[in-house]
Amino acid sequence: MRRYHHIGIPTTEAKPGETHLKHLKLFVVSHEKSEFGVEWMRFEADAAVPDLVRQVPHVAFEVADLASEMAGREILIPPNSPSHGVRVAFIVENGAPIELLEFTDPNHPARRQQSKMLI
């Protein structure tokens, strides 16, 4: 199962409503604050993030099995847990970053619900 989750757009400008995630050296405006599911990301200079993620927007998908979705793919950022109840990894697809999210907590607040997916 693969379901669209959000688009992440890197920026160098502060955005209203951003949150500082100190452990990631990242300022982020959650996709939940956007009616279009846009996540804004601004990185500190010394954040351990590949240039591809710093410079190119990414598309994120919720997946049922992170390990199987990563099999045979070019890994950009290995699996990690940015918050309790979710594991993420980034792969490269035709030169673009793709984020894969696996929710280990089915009630995680960042998990998109079907009703939010309607266009």
PDB file of N, CA and C in Angstrom:
ATOM      1  N   MET A   1       0.851  -1.175   0.000  1.00  0.00           N
ATOM      2  CA  MET A   1       0.000   0.000   0.000  1.00  0.00           C
ATOM      3  C   MET A   1       0.892   1.232   0.000  1.00  0.00           C
ATOM      4  N   ARG A   2       0.592   2.128  -0.870  1.00  0.00           N
ATOM      5  CA  ARG A   2       1.289   3.406  -0.954  1.00  0.00           C
ATOM      6  C   ARG A   2       0.201   4.473  -1.125  1.00  0.00           C
ATOM      7  N   ARG A   3       0.210   5.474  -0.227  1.00  0.00           N
ATOM      8  CA  ARG A   3      -0.802   6.525  -0.301  1.00  0.00           C
ATOM      9  C   ARG A   3      -0.122   7.881  -0.199  1.00  0.00           C
ATOM     10  N   TYR A   4      -0.484   8.792  -1.100  1.00  0.00           N
ATOM     11  CA  TYR A   4       0.074  10.146  -1.062  1.00  0.00           C
ATOM     12  C   TYR A   4      -0.129  10.739   0.323  1.00  0.00           C
ATOM     13  N   HIS A   5       0.916  11.425   0.837  1.00  0.00           N
ATOM     14  CA  HIS A   5       0.837  12.024   2.162  1.00  0.00           C
ATOM     15  C   HIS A   5       1.011  13.542   2.113  1.00  0.00           C
ATOM     16  N   HIS A   6       2.097  14.026   1.500  1.00  0.00           N
ATOM     17  CA  HIS A   6       2.325  15.463   1.404  1.00  0.00           C
ATOM     18  C   HIS A   6       3.425  15.768   0.401  1.00  0.00           C
ATOM     19  N   ILE A   7       3.606  17.042   0.124  1.00  0.00           N
ATOM     20  CA  ILE A   7       4.759  17.505  -0.635  1.00  0.00           C
ATOM     21  C   ILE A   7       5.575  18.387   0.306  1.00  0.00           C
ATOM     22  N   GLY A   8       6.879  18.214   0.286  1.00  0.00           N
ATOM     23  CA  GLY A   8       7.774  19.011   1.119  1.00  0.00           C
ATOM     24  C   GLY A   8       8.587  19.949   0.238  1.00  0.00           C
ATOM     25  N   ILE A   9       8.565  21.219   0.577  1.00  0.00           N
ATOM     26  CA  ILE A   9       9.275  22.209  -0.217  1.00  0.00           C
ATOM     27  C   ILE A   9      10.335  22.884   0.643  1.00  0.00           C
ATOM     28  N   PRO A  10      11.604  22.758   0.239  1.00  0.00           N
ATOM     29  CA  PRO A  10      12.659  23.432   0.995  1.00  0.00           C
ATOM     30  C   PRO A  10      12.623  24.938   0.732  1.00  0.00           C
ATOM     31  N   THR A  11      12.999  25.693   1.753  1.00  0.00           N
ATOM     32  CA  THR A  11      13.040  27.151   1.641  1.00  0.00           C
ATOM     33  C   THR A  11      14.189  27.685   2.485  1.00  0.00           C
ATOM     34  N   THR A  12      14.626  28.869   2.183  1.00  0.00           N
ATOM     35  CA  THR A  12      15.634  29.537   3.007  1.00  0.00           C
ATOM     36  C   THR A  12      15.013  30.694   3.790  1.00  0.00           C
ATOM     37  N   GLU A  13      13.704  30.911   3.612  1.00  0.00           N
ATOM     38  CA  GLU A  13      12.994  32.000   4.285  1.00  0.00           C
ATOM     39  C   GLU A  13      12.142  31.465   5.424  1.00  0.00           C
ATOM     40  N   ALA A  14      12.104  32.206   6.528  1.00  0.00           N
ATOM     41  CA  ALA A  14      11.227  31.848   7.645  1.00  0.00           C
ATOM     42  C   ALA A  14       9.777  31.950   7.177  1.00  0.00           C
ATOM     43  N   LYS A  15       8.966  31.005   7.625  1.00  0.00           N
ATOM     44  CA  LYS A  15       7.547  30.983   7.264  1.00  0.00           C
ATOM     45  C   LYS A  15       6.700  31.108   8.528  1.00  0.00           C
ATOM     46  N   PRO A  16       5.541  31.765   8.435  1.00  0.00           N
ATOM     47  CA  PRO A  16       4.663  31.860   9.606  1.00  0.00           C
ATOM     48  C   PRO A  16       4.253  30.470  10.090  1.00  0.00           C
ATOM     49  N   GLY A  17       4.261  30.286  11.392  1.00  0.00           N
ATOM     50  CA  GLY A  17       3.811  29.041  11.988  1.00  0.00           C
ATOM     51  C   GLY A  17       4.830  27.922  11.990  1.00  0.00           C
ATOM     52  N   GLU A  18       6.093  28.239  11.660  1.00  0.00           N
ATOM     53  CA  GLU A  18       7.083  27.158  11.645  1.00  0.00           C
ATOM     54  C   GLU A  18       7.468  26.738  13.059  1.00  0.00           C
ATOM     55  N   THR A  19       7.831  25.462  13.166  1.00  0.00           N
ATOM     56  CA  THR A  19       8.275  24.865  14.421  1.00  0.00           C
ATOM     57  C   THR A  19       9.736  24.488  14.278  1.00  0.00           C
ATOM     58  N   HIS A  20      10.516  24.716  15.329  1.00  0.00           N
ATOM     59  CA  HIS A  20      11.930  24.356  15.298  1.00  0.00           C
ATOM     60  C   HIS A  20      12.108  22.971  15.899  1.00  0.00           C
ATOM     61  N   LEU A  21      12.606  22.048  15.090  1.00  0.00           N
ATOM     62  CA  LEU A  21      12.925  20.711  15.572  1.00  0.00           C
ATOM     63  C   LEU A  21      14.429  20.685  15.812  1.00  0.00           C
ATOM     64  N   LYS A  22      14.821  21.004  17.044  1.00  0.00           N
ATOM     65  CA  LYS A  22      16.232  21.175  17.380  1.00  0.00           C
ATOM     66  C   LYS A  22      17.066  19.954  17.048  1.00  0.00           C
ATOM     67  N   HIS A  23      16.560  18.761  17.367  1.00  0.00           N
ATOM     68  CA  HIS A  23      17.346  17.542  17.142  1.00  0.00           C
ATOM     69  C   HIS A  23      17.605  17.276  15.654  1.00  0.00           C
ATOM     70  N   LEU A  24      16.788  17.848  14.767  1.00  0.00           N
ATOM     71  CA  LEU A  24      16.987  17.695  13.332  1.00  0.00           C
ATOM     72  C   LEU A  24      17.603  18.940  12.686  1.00  0.00           C
ATOM     73  N   LYS A  25      17.745  20.009  13.501  1.00  0.00           N
ATOM     74  CA  LYS A  25      18.250  21.286  12.998  1.00  0.00           C
ATOM     75  C   LYS A  25      17.415  21.762  11.804  1.00  0.00           C
ATOM     76  N   LEU A  26      16.113  21.745  12.027  1.00  0.00           N
ATOM     77  CA  LEU A  26      15.134  21.998  10.990  1.00  0.00           C
ATOM     78  C   LEU A  26      14.006  22.867  11.531  1.00  0.00           C
ATOM     79  N   PHE A  27      13.576  23.814  10.718  1.00  0.00           N
ATOM     80  CA  PHE A  27      12.366  24.583  10.975  1.00  0.00           C
ATOM     81  C   PHE A  27      11.337  24.068   9.976  1.00  0.00           C
ATOM     82  N   VAL A  28      10.150  23.729  10.450  1.00  0.00           N
ATOM     83  CA  VAL A  28       9.154  23.123   9.562  1.00  0.00           C
ATOM     84  C   VAL A  28       7.774  23.710   9.822  1.00  0.00           C
ATOM     85  N   VAL A  29       7.023  23.874   8.734  1.00  0.00           N
ATOM     86  CA  VAL A  29       5.598  24.179   8.828  1.00  0.00           C
ATOM     87  C   VAL A  29       4.904  22.906   8.381  1.00  0.00           C
ATOM     88  N   SER A  30       4.180  22.288   9.277  1.00  0.00           N
ATOM     89  CA  SER A  30       3.550  20.997   9.018  1.00  0.00           C
ATOM     90  C   SER A  30       2.587  21.051   7.838  1.00  0.00           C
ATOM     91  N   HIS A  31       2.531  19.962   7.107  1.00  0.00           N
ATOM     92  CA  HIS A  31       1.576  19.820   6.005  1.00  0.00           C
ATOM     93  C   HIS A  31       0.139  19.956   6.513  1.00  0.00           C
ATOM     94  N   GLU A  32      -0.073  19.704   7.791  1.00  0.00           N
ATOM     95  CA  GLU A  32      -1.412  19.791   8.363  1.00  0.00           C
ATOM     96  C   GLU A  32      -1.908  21.228   8.462  1.00  0.00           C
ATOM     97  N   LYS A  33      -1.000  22.191   8.362  1.00  0.00           N
ATOM     98  CA  LYS A  33      -1.385  23.602   8.424  1.00  0.00           C
ATOM     99  C   LYS A  33      -1.731  24.157   7.046  1.00  0.00           C
ATOM    100  N   SER A  34      -1.591  23.341   6.013  1.00  0.00           N
ATOM    101  CA  SER A  34      -1.846  23.764   4.645  1.00  0.00           C
ATOM    102  C   SER A  34      -3.037  23.014   4.074  1.00  0.00           C
ATOM    103  N   GLU A  35      -3.959  23.726   3.486  1.00  0.00           N
ATOM    104  CA  GLU A  35      -5.105  23.043   2.884  1.00  0.00           C
ATOM    105  C   GLU A  35      -4.694  22.189   1.685  1.00  0.00           C
ATOM    106  N   PHE A  36      -3.470  22.413   1.174  1.00  0.00           N
ATOM    107  CA  PHE A  36      -2.973  21.649   0.038  1.00  0.00           C
ATOM    108  C   PHE A  36      -1.931  20.610   0.432  1.00  0.00           C
ATOM    109  N   GLY A  37      -1.692  20.453   1.732  1.00  0.00           N
ATOM    110  CA  GLY A  37      -0.743  19.446   2.191  1.00  0.00           C
ATOM    111  C   GLY A  37       0.706  19.792   1.919  1.00  0.00           C
ATOM    112  N   VAL A  38       1.041  21.084   1.928  1.00  0.00           N
ATOM    113  CA  VAL A  38       2.426  21.520   1.693  1.00  0.00           C
ATOM    114  C   VAL A  38       3.162  21.623   3.019  1.00  0.00           C
ATOM    115  N   GLU A  39       4.326  21.002   3.076  1.00  0.00           N
ATOM    116  CA  GLU A  39       5.221  21.085   4.228  1.00  0.00           C
ATOM    117  C   GLU A  39       6.397  21.974   3.810  1.00  0.00           C
ATOM    118  N   TRP A  40       6.655  23.032   4.573  1.00  0.00           N
ATOM    119  CA  TRP A  40       7.797  23.908   4.308  1.00  0.00           C
ATOM    120  C   TRP A  40       8.929  23.524   5.240  1.00  0.00           C
ATOM    121  N   MET A  41      10.144  23.437   4.698  1.00  0.00           N
ATOM    122  CA  MET A  41      11.309  23.023   5.485  1.00  0.00           C
ATOM    123  C   MET A  41      12.446  24.022   5.295  1.00  0.00           C
ATOM    124  N   ARG A  42      12.978  24.490   6.419  1.00  0.00           N
ATOM    125  CA  ARG A  42      14.142  25.390   6.398  1.00  0.00           C
ATOM    126  C   ARG A  42      15.196  24.775   7.301  1.00  0.00           C
ATOM    127  N   PHE A  43      16.363  24.497   6.742  1.00  0.00           N
ATOM    128  CA  PHE A  43      17.411  23.782   7.465  1.00  0.00           C
ATOM    129  C   PHE A  43      18.470  24.721   8.031  1.00  0.00           C
ATOM    130  N   GLU A  44      18.968  24.377   9.218  1.00  0.00           N
ATOM    131  CA  GLU A  44      20.135  25.080   9.740  1.00  0.00           C
ATOM    132  C   GLU A  44      21.334  24.684   8.879  1.00  0.00           C
ATOM    133  N   ALA A  45      22.340  25.550   8.826  1.00  0.00           N
ATOM    134  CA  ALA A  45      23.498  25.321   7.952  1.00  0.00           C
ATOM    135  C   ALA A  45      24.179  23.991   8.207  1.00  0.00           C
ATOM    136  N   ASP A  46      24.230  23.571   9.475  1.00  0.00           N
ATOM    137  CA  ASP A  46      24.944  22.328   9.804  1.00  0.00           C
ATOM    138  C   ASP A  46      24.022  21.113   9.980  1.00  0.00           C
ATOM    139  N   ALA A  47      22.800  21.196   9.468  1.00  0.00           N
ATOM    140  CA  ALA A  47      21.893  20.050   9.532  1.00  0.00           C
ATOM    141  C   ALA A  47      22.446  18.924   8.667  1.00  0.00           C
ATOM    142  N   ALA A  48      22.380  17.707   9.180  1.00  0.00           N
ATOM    143  CA  ALA A  48      22.905  16.541   8.469  1.00  0.00           C
ATOM    144  C   ALA A  48      21.859  16.037   7.470  1.00  0.00           C
ATOM    145  N   VAL A  49      21.671  16.804   6.409  1.00  0.00           N
ATOM    146  CA  VAL A  49      20.670  16.487   5.393  1.00  0.00           C
ATOM    147  C   VAL A  49      21.330  16.575   4.024  1.00  0.00           C
ATOM    148  N   PRO A  50      21.103  15.602   3.166  1.00  0.00           N
ATOM    149  CA  PRO A  50      21.693  15.663   1.826  1.00  0.00           C
ATOM    150  C   PRO A  50      21.230  16.899   1.048  1.00  0.00           C
ATOM    151  N   ASP A  51      22.103  17.394   0.189  1.00  0.00           N
ATOM    152  CA  ASP A  51      21.772  18.569  -0.617  1.00  0.00           C
ATOM    153  C   ASP A  51      20.505  18.364  -1.441  1.00  0.00           C
ATOM    154  N   LEU A  52      20.269  17.147  -1.907  1.00  0.00           N
ATOM    155  CA  LEU A  52      19.073  16.878  -2.706  1.00  0.00           C
ATOM    156  C   LEU A  52      17.802  17.221  -1.929  1.00  0.00           C
ATOM    157  N   VAL A  53      17.777  16.917  -0.639  1.00  0.00           N
ATOM    158  CA  VAL A  53      16.604  17.225   0.193  1.00  0.00           C
ATOM    159  C   VAL A  53      16.553  18.715   0.511  1.00  0.00           C
ATOM    160  N   ARG A  54      17.717  19.343   0.654  1.00  0.00           N
ATOM    161  CA  ARG A  54      17.777  20.785   0.926  1.00  0.00           C
ATOM    162  C   ARG A  54      17.315  21.628  -0.258  1.00  0.00           C
ATOM    163  N   GLN A  55      17.472  21.103  -1.462  1.00  0.00           N
ATOM    164  CA  GLN A  55      17.289  21.926  -2.658  1.00  0.00           C
ATOM    165  C   GLN A  55      16.124  21.532  -3.558  1.00  0.00           C
ATOM    166  N   VAL A  56      15.658  20.291  -3.457  1.00  0.00           N
ATOM    167  CA  VAL A  56      14.625  19.803  -4.367  1.00  0.00           C
ATOM    168  C   VAL A  56      13.391  19.399  -3.565  1.00  0.00           C
ATOM    169  N   PRO A  57      12.198  19.841  -3.973  1.00  0.00           N
ATOM    170  CA  PRO A  57      10.983  19.395  -3.283  1.00  0.00           C
ATOM    171  C   PRO A  57      10.860  17.874  -3.325  1.00  0.00           C
ATOM    172  N   HIS A  58      10.225  17.333  -2.291  1.00  0.00           N
ATOM    173  CA  HIS A  58      10.002  15.888  -2.255  1.00  0.00           C
ATOM    174  C   HIS A  58       8.517  15.587  -2.144  1.00  0.00           C
ATOM    175  N   VAL A  59       8.148  14.413  -2.609  1.00  0.00           N
ATOM    176  CA  VAL A  59       6.797  13.905  -2.437  1.00  0.00           C
ATOM    177  C   VAL A  59       6.886  12.800  -1.397  1.00  0.00           C
ATOM    178  N   ALA A  60       5.927  12.774  -0.478  1.00  0.00           N
ATOM    179  CA  ALA A  60       5.929  11.780   0.592  1.00  0.00           C
ATOM    180  C   ALA A  60       4.726  10.855   0.445  1.00  0.00           C
ATOM    181  N   PHE A  61       4.990   9.570   0.713  1.00  0.00           N
ATOM    182  CA  PHE A  61       3.948   8.555   0.654  1.00  0.00           C
ATOM    183  C   PHE A  61       3.913   7.778   1.955  1.00  0.00           C
ATOM    184  N   GLU A  62       2.716   7.517   2.444  1.00  0.00           N
ATOM    185  CA  GLU A  62       2.541   6.610   3.568  1.00  0.00           C
ATOM    186  C   GLU A  62       2.605   5.192   3.015  1.00  0.00           C
ATOM    187  N   VAL A  63       3.402   4.344   3.659  1.00  0.00           N
ATOM    188  CA  VAL A  63       3.554   2.957   3.212  1.00  0.00           C
ATOM    189  C   VAL A  63       3.263   2.016   4.373  1.00  0.00           C
ATOM    190  N   ALA A  64       2.866   0.804   4.041  1.00  0.00           N
ATOM    191  CA  ALA A  64       2.557  -0.187   5.072  1.00  0.00           C
ATOM    192  C   ALA A  64       3.815  -0.880   5.580  1.00  0.00           C
ATOM    193  N   ASP A  65       4.824  -1.020   4.717  1.00  0.00           N
ATOM    194  CA  ASP A  65       6.038  -1.749   5.084  1.00  0.00           C
ATOM    195  C   ASP A  65       7.256  -1.012   4.518  1.00  0.00           C
ATOM    196  N   LEU A  66       7.878  -0.217   5.355  1.00  0.00           N
ATOM    197  CA  LEU A  66       9.008   0.610   4.933  1.00  0.00           C
ATOM    198  C   LEU A  66      10.133  -0.223   4.337  1.00  0.00           C
ATOM    199  N   ALA A  67      10.482  -1.320   4.968  1.00  0.00           N
ATOM    200  CA  ALA A  67      11.585  -2.161   4.493  1.00  0.00           C
ATOM    201  C   ALA A  67      11.335  -2.686   3.079  1.00  0.00           C
ATOM    202  N   SER A  68      10.143  -3.161   2.811  1.00  0.00           N
ATOM    203  CA  SER A  68       9.871  -3.702   1.476  1.00  0.00           C
ATOM    204  C   SER A  68       9.833  -2.599   0.426  1.00  0.00           C
ATOM    205  N   GLU A  69       9.366  -1.423   0.780  1.00  0.00           N
ATOM    206  CA  GLU A  69       9.335  -0.302  -0.169  1.00  0.00           C
ATOM    207  C   GLU A  69      10.740   0.191  -0.514  1.00  0.00           C
ATOM    208  N   MET A  70      11.688  -0.004   0.404  1.00  0.00           N
ATOM    209  CA  MET A  70      13.063   0.450   0.171  1.00  0.00           C
ATOM    210  C   MET A  70      13.898  -0.570  -0.594  1.00  0.00           C
ATOM    211  N   ALA A  71      13.452  -1.814  -0.635  1.00  0.00           N
ATOM    212  CA  ALA A  71      14.232  -2.886  -1.253  1.00  0.00           C
ATOM    213  C   ALA A  71      14.579  -2.554  -2.703  1.00  0.00           C
ATOM    214  N   GLY A  72      15.871  -2.604  -3.012  1.00  0.00           N
ATOM    215  CA  GLY A  72      16.348  -2.367  -4.365  1.00  0.00           C
ATOM    216  C   GLY A  72      16.380  -0.910  -4.785  1.00  0.00           C
ATOM    217  N   ARG A  73      16.112  -0.006  -3.864  1.00  0.00           N
ATOM    218  CA  ARG A  73      16.084   1.434  -4.177  1.00  0.00           C
ATOM    219  C   ARG A  73      17.366   2.109  -3.718  1.00  0.00           C
ATOM    220  N   GLU A  74      17.658   3.257  -4.310  1.00  0.00           N
ATOM    221  CA  GLU A  74      18.782   4.072  -3.857  1.00  0.00           C
ATOM    222  C   GLU A  74      18.343   4.799  -2.585  1.00  0.00           C
ATOM    223  N   ILE A  75      19.017   4.525  -1.482  1.00  0.00           N
ATOM    224  CA  ILE A  75      18.659   5.122  -0.189  1.00  0.00           C
ATOM    225  C   ILE A  75      19.373   6.459  -0.042  1.00  0.00           C
ATOM    226  N   LEU A  76      18.609   7.510   0.177  1.00  0.00           N
ATOM    227  CA  LEU A  76      19.160   8.842   0.384  1.00  0.00           C
ATOM    228  C   LEU A  76      19.324   9.119   1.878  1.00  0.00           C
ATOM    229  N   ILE A  77      18.295   8.836   2.660  1.00  0.00           N
ATOM    230  CA  ILE A  77      18.330   8.954   4.120  1.00  0.00           C
ATOM    231  C   ILE A  77      17.786   7.638   4.674  1.00  0.00           C
ATOM    232  N   PRO A  78      18.610   6.916   5.441  1.00  0.00           N
ATOM    233  CA  PRO A  78      18.160   5.620   5.962  1.00  0.00           C
ATOM    234  C   PRO A  78      17.013   5.775   6.958  1.00  0.00           C
ATOM    235  N   PRO A  79      16.313   4.683   7.243  1.00  0.00           N
ATOM    236  CA  PRO A  79      15.184   4.744   8.174  1.00  0.00           C
ATOM    237  C   PRO A  79      15.561   5.363   9.516  1.00  0.00           C
ATOM    238  N   ASN A  80      14.672   6.220   9.991  1.00  0.00           N
ATOM    239  CA  ASN A  80      14.858   6.878  11.285  1.00  0.00           C
ATOM    240  C   ASN A  80      13.485   7.235  11.828  1.00  0.00           C
ATOM    241  N   SER A  81      13.453   7.646  13.079  1.00  0.00           N
ATOM    242  CA  SER A  81      12.189   7.999  13.715  1.00  0.00           C
ATOM    243  C   SER A  81      12.238   9.449  14.184  1.00  0.00           C
ATOM    244  N   PRO A  82      11.721  10.378  13.381  1.00  0.00           N
ATOM    245  CA  PRO A  82      11.743  11.783  13.781  1.00  0.00           C
ATOM    246  C   PRO A  82      10.813  12.094  14.947  1.00  0.00           C
ATOM    247  N   SER A  83       9.804  11.249  15.146  1.00  0.00           N
ATOM    248  CA  SER A  83       8.902  11.387  16.294  1.00  0.00           C
ATOM    249  C   SER A  83       8.328  10.018  16.623  1.00  0.00           C
ATOM    250  N   HIS A  84       7.827   9.882  17.843  1.00  0.00           N
ATOM    251  CA  HIS A  84       7.268   8.606  18.292  1.00  0.00           C
ATOM    252  C   HIS A  84       6.123   8.177  17.375  1.00  0.00           C
ATOM    253  N   GLY A  85       6.142   6.921  16.973  1.00  0.00           N
ATOM    254  CA  GLY A  85       5.040   6.374  16.202  1.00  0.00           C
ATOM    255  C   GLY A  85       5.181   6.458  14.701  1.00  0.00           C
ATOM    256  N   VAL A  86       6.312   6.971  14.224  1.00  0.00           N
ATOM    257  CA  VAL A  86       6.510   7.073  12.782  1.00  0.00           C
ATOM    258  C   VAL A  86       7.969   6.796  12.438  1.00  0.00           C
ATOM    259  N   ARG A  87       8.166   6.073  11.349  1.00  0.00           N
ATOM    260  CA  ARG A  87       9.510   5.835  10.809  1.00  0.00           C
ATOM    261  C   ARG A  87       9.520   6.377   9.395  1.00  0.00           C
ATOM    262  N   VAL A  88      10.608   7.037   9.028  1.00  0.00           N
ATOM    263  CA  VAL A  88      10.722   7.604   7.686  1.00  0.00           C
ATOM    264  C   VAL A  88      12.061   7.241   7.063  1.00  0.00           C
ATOM    265  N   ALA A  89      12.082   7.283   5.752  1.00  0.00           N
ATOM    266  CA  ALA A  89      13.305   7.113   4.981  1.00  0.00           C
ATOM    267  C   ALA A  89      13.111   7.890   3.686  1.00  0.00           C
ATOM    268  N   PHE A  90      14.211   8.281   3.067  1.00  0.00           N
ATOM    269  CA  PHE A  90      14.159   8.936   1.765  1.00  0.00           C
ATOM    270  C   PHE A  90      14.875   8.057   0.752  1.00  0.00           C
ATOM    271  N   ILE A  91      14.271   7.928  -0.420  1.00  0.00           N
ATOM    272  CA  ILE A  91      14.894   7.240  -1.536  1.00  0.00           C
ATOM    273  C   ILE A  91      15.030   8.240  -2.683  1.00  0.00           C
ATOM    274  N   VAL A  92      15.740   7.829  -3.724  1.00  0.00           N
ATOM    275  CA  VAL A  92      15.879   8.668  -4.914  1.00  0.00           C
ATOM    276  C   VAL A  92      15.143   7.991  -6.057  1.00  0.00           C
ATOM    277  N   GLU A  93      14.295   8.742  -6.729  1.00  0.00           N
ATOM    278  CA  GLU A  93      13.543   8.247  -7.876  1.00  0.00           C
ATOM    279  C   GLU A  93      13.797   9.202  -9.046  1.00  0.00           C
ATOM    280  N   ASN A  94      14.550   8.735 -10.032  1.00  0.00           N
ATOM    281  CA  ASN A  94      14.867   9.556 -11.213  1.00  0.00           C
ATOM    282  C   ASN A  94      15.426  10.922 -10.826  1.00  0.00           C
ATOM    283  N   GLY A  95      16.306  10.957  -9.842  1.00  0.00           N
ATOM    284  CA  GLY A  95      16.974  12.197  -9.434  1.00  0.00           C
ATOM    285  C   GLY A  95      16.213  13.053  -8.439  1.00  0.00           C
ATOM    286  N   ALA A  96      15.045  12.611  -8.005  1.00  0.00           N
ATOM    287  CA  ALA A  96      14.238  13.395  -7.060  1.00  0.00           C
ATOM    288  C   ALA A  96      14.100  12.636  -5.739  1.00  0.00           C
ATOM    289  N   PRO A  97      14.046  13.376  -4.620  1.00  0.00           N
ATOM    290  CA  PRO A  97      13.851  12.718  -3.329  1.00  0.00           C
ATOM    291  C   PRO A  97      12.391  12.316  -3.126  1.00  0.00           C
ATOM    292  N   ILE A  98      12.209  11.110  -2.588  1.00  0.00           N
ATOM    293  CA  ILE A  98      10.877  10.606  -2.239  1.00  0.00           C
ATOM    294  C   ILE A  98      10.942  10.196  -0.771  1.00  0.00           C
ATOM    295  N   GLU A  99       9.995  10.671   0.019  1.00  0.00           N
ATOM    296  CA  GLU A  99       9.931  10.304   1.431  1.00  0.00           C
ATOM    297  C   GLU A  99       8.916   9.175   1.603  1.00  0.00           C
ATOM    298  N   LEU A 100       9.316   8.172   2.358  1.00  0.00           N
ATOM    299  CA  LEU A 100       8.429   7.060   2.697  1.00  0.00           C
ATOM    300  C   LEU A 100       8.169   7.105   4.185  1.00  0.00           C
ATOM    301  N   LEU A 101       6.908   7.069   4.591  1.00  0.00           N
ATOM    302  CA  LEU A 101       6.524   7.116   6.000  1.00  0.00           C
ATOM    303  C   LEU A 101       5.781   5.849   6.374  1.00  0.00           C
ATOM    304  N   GLU A 102       6.199   5.240   7.464  1.00  0.00           N
ATOM    305  CA  GLU A 102       5.502   4.083   8.014  1.00  0.00           C
ATOM    306  C   GLU A 102       5.053   4.460   9.424  1.00  0.00           C
ATOM    307  N   PHE A 103       3.754   4.434   9.650  1.00  0.00           N
ATOM    308  CA  PHE A 103       3.223   4.780  10.966  1.00  0.00           C
ATOM    309  C   PHE A 103       3.099   3.517  11.806  1.00  0.00           C
ATOM    310  N   THR A 104       3.880   3.463  12.877  1.00  0.00           N
ATOM    311  CA  THR A 104       3.794   2.339  13.808  1.00  0.00           C
ATOM    312  C   THR A 104       2.675   2.577  14.814  1.00  0.00           C
ATOM    313  N   ASP A 105       2.195   3.807  14.884  1.00  0.00           N
ATOM    314  CA  ASP A 105       1.046   4.171  15.715  1.00  0.00           C
ATOM    315  C   ASP A 105      -0.092   4.543  14.774  1.00  0.00           C
ATOM    316  N   PRO A 106      -1.137   3.708  14.664  1.00  0.00           N
ATOM    317  CA  PRO A 106      -2.219   3.994  13.722  1.00  0.00           C
ATOM    318  C   PRO A 106      -2.980   5.283  14.028  1.00  0.00           C
ATOM    319  N   ASN A 107      -2.812   5.808  15.242  1.00  0.00           N
ATOM    320  CA  ASN A 107      -3.490   7.056  15.618  1.00  0.00           C
ATOM    321  C   ASN A 107      -2.550   8.258  15.632  1.00  0.00           C
ATOM    322  N   HIS A 108      -1.392   8.115  15.026  1.00  0.00           N
ATOM    323  CA  HIS A 108      -0.418   9.212  14.989  1.00  0.00           C
ATOM    324  C   HIS A 108      -1.080  10.441  14.376  1.00  0.00           C
ATOM    325  N   PRO A 109      -0.892  11.619  14.977  1.00  0.00           N
ATOM    326  CA  PRO A 109      -1.579  12.819  14.486  1.00  0.00           C
ATOM    327  C   PRO A 109      -1.176  13.243  13.069  1.00  0.00           C
ATOM    328  N   ALA A 110      -0.014  12.839  12.595  1.00  0.00           N
ATOM    329  CA  ALA A 110       0.409  13.230  11.243  1.00  0.00           C
ATOM    330  C   ALA A 110      -0.115  12.285  10.170  1.00  0.00           C
ATOM    331  N   ARG A 111      -0.740  11.200  10.603  1.00  0.00           N
ATOM    332  CA  ARG A 111      -1.254  10.248   9.624  1.00  0.00           C
ATOM    333  C   ARG A 111      -2.442  10.868   8.914  1.00  0.00           C
ATOM    334  N   ARG A 112      -2.398  10.843   7.608  1.00  0.00           N
ATOM    335  CA  ARG A 112      -3.491  11.434   6.826  1.00  0.00           C
ATOM    336  C   ARG A 112      -4.686  10.500   6.835  1.00  0.00           C
ATOM    337  N   GLN A 113      -5.817  11.079   6.956  1.00  0.00           N
ATOM    338  CA  GLN A 113      -7.054  10.295   6.921  1.00  0.00           C
ATOM    339  C   GLN A 113      -7.630  10.352   5.510  1.00  0.00           C
ATOM    340  N   GLN A 114      -8.397   9.353   5.146  1.00  0.00           N
ATOM    341  CA  GLN A 114      -8.983   9.302   3.812  1.00  0.00           C
ATOM    342  C   GLN A 114      -9.722  10.587   3.469  1.00  0.00           C
ATOM    343  N   SER A 115     -10.466  11.149   4.420  1.00  0.00           N
ATOM    344  CA  SER A 115     -11.261  12.343   4.131  1.00  0.00           C
ATOM    345  C   SER A 115     -10.391  13.515   3.715  1.00  0.00           C
ATOM    346  N   LYS A 116      -9.157  13.572   4.178  1.00  0.00           N
ATOM    347  CA  LYS A 116      -8.252  14.657   3.800  1.00  0.00           C
ATOM    348  C   LYS A 116      -7.675  14.453   2.407  1.00  0.00           C
ATOM    349  N   MET A 117      -7.850  13.267   1.849  1.00  0.00           N
ATOM    350  CA  MET A 117      -7.258  12.942   0.566  1.00  0.00           C
ATOM    351  C   MET A 117      -8.141  13.375  -0.601  1.00  0.00           C
ATOM    352  N   LEU A 118      -9.364  13.730  -0.339  1.00  0.00           N
ATOM    353  CA  LEU A 118     -10.281  14.102  -1.418  1.00  0.00           C
ATOM    354  C   LEU A 118      -9.886  15.430  -2.026  1.00  0.00           C
ATOM    355  N   ILE A 119      -9.964  15.484  -3.338  1.00  0.00           N
ATOM    356  CA  ILE A 119      -9.582  16.717  -4.065  1.00  0.00           C
ATOM    357  C   ILE A 119     -10.821  17.286  -4.725  1.00  0.00           C
TER     358      ILE A 119
END
